[in-house]
Protein backbone atom coordinates (compact mmCIF):
# COMPACT_ATOMS: atom_id res chain seq x y z
CA MET A 1 105.26 56.06 70.81
CA LYS A 2 108.17 56.13 68.28
CA THR A 3 111.58 57.28 69.24
CA ILE A 4 113.92 58.97 66.67
CA PRO A 5 117.99 58.62 67.80
CA ILE A 6 119.68 61.97 67.60
CA ASP A 7 123.60 61.83 68.09
CA ALA A 8 125.36 64.33 69.97
CA GLU A 9 127.02 66.22 67.07
CA THR A 10 123.25 66.84 65.71
CA ARG A 11 122.01 67.61 68.81
CA ALA A 12 124.61 70.12 69.77
CA ALA A 13 123.92 71.75 65.75
CA ALA A 14 120.22 72.14 66.63
CA PHE A 15 120.56 73.68 69.87
CA ARG A 16 123.20 76.20 68.70
CA THR A 17 120.71 77.18 65.84
CA SER A 18 117.74 77.82 68.20
CA VAL A 19 119.47 79.98 70.82
CA VAL A 20 120.66 82.45 67.95
CA ARG A 21 120.21 85.98 69.45
CA ARG A 22 117.75 87.70 66.89
CA GLU A 23 118.09 91.39 66.44
CA HIS A 24 115.04 93.36 65.47
CA PRO A 25 115.52 96.57 63.37
CA GLY A 26 114.27 99.75 64.87
CA ARG A 27 114.49 98.42 68.13
CA GLY A 28 118.03 99.27 69.31
CA CYS A 29 117.52 102.21 71.68
CA ALA A 30 114.33 102.05 74.23
CA ARG A 31 111.45 104.74 74.11
CA LEU A 32 111.07 106.81 76.93
CA ARG A 33 107.58 106.72 78.10
CA LEU A 34 106.15 108.91 80.69
CA SER A 35 104.14 106.84 83.11
CA TRP A 36 101.17 107.53 84.87
CA ARG A 37 102.76 106.78 88.07
CA ASP A 38 105.30 109.68 87.51
CA CYS A 39 102.53 112.66 87.36
CA ARG A 40 101.43 114.43 90.24
CA GLY A 41 98.00 113.01 90.07
CA GLU A 42 99.15 109.98 91.77
CA LYS A 43 100.42 111.98 94.52
CA ILE A 44 97.02 113.70 94.50
CA LEU A 45 94.92 110.47 94.62
CA GLN A 46 96.91 109.24 97.06
CA GLY A 47 96.28 112.50 99.23
CA LEU A 48 92.55 111.77 98.70
CA LEU A 49 92.68 108.50 99.63
CA VAL A 50 94.28 109.03 103.18
CA LEU A 51 91.89 112.24 103.40
CA ALA A 52 88.83 109.73 103.02
CA ALA A 53 90.31 106.87 105.30
CA VAL A 54 90.86 109.62 108.30
CA ALA A 55 87.16 110.82 107.50
CA GLY A 56 85.94 107.51 107.77
CA ILE A 57 87.81 106.42 110.93
CA GLY A 58 86.44 109.66 112.51
CA TYR A 59 82.93 109.06 111.66
CA GLY A 60 83.22 105.65 113.12
CA CYS A 61 84.71 106.94 116.03
CA SER A 62 81.81 109.44 116.51
CA CYS A 63 79.10 106.89 115.97
CA LEU A 64 80.55 104.62 118.34
CA VAL A 65 80.81 107.41 120.68
CA ASP A 66 77.02 107.79 120.13
CA LEU A 67 76.17 104.23 120.54
CA VAL A 68 77.92 103.79 123.99
CA GLN A 69 76.11 106.90 125.02
CA SER A 70 72.92 105.78 123.85
CA CYS A 71 73.51 102.52 125.70
CA ALA A 72 74.24 104.41 128.96
CA LEU A 73 71.06 106.43 128.60
CA PHE A 74 69.25 103.16 128.05
CA ALA A 75 70.60 101.78 130.91
CA ALA A 76 70.17 104.40 133.16
CA GLU A 77 66.34 104.46 132.09
CA VAL A 78 65.83 100.93 132.60
CA GLY A 79 67.50 101.12 136.12
CA ARG A 80 64.98 103.99 136.85
CA SER A 81 62.17 102.19 135.73
CA ILE A 82 63.03 99.26 137.78
CA GLN A 83 63.28 101.12 141.12
């Protein structure tokens, strides 16, 4: 591998030229954009998500209660048939 020696003055000059700040014409002021997060749609979608979560938890609890009742009935039938 071949190395090229660079003295400190040349290195400083190269660093100064590479760090020059460039201004782009026409980009002086930022444009205001309306984000979809700023709309009411986000709040509506979050509300629907919360509603779906509550409905899912309620349905799961209902299924669990039905399962426990079915197991209790099954156990009672088995116990009665054994006697």
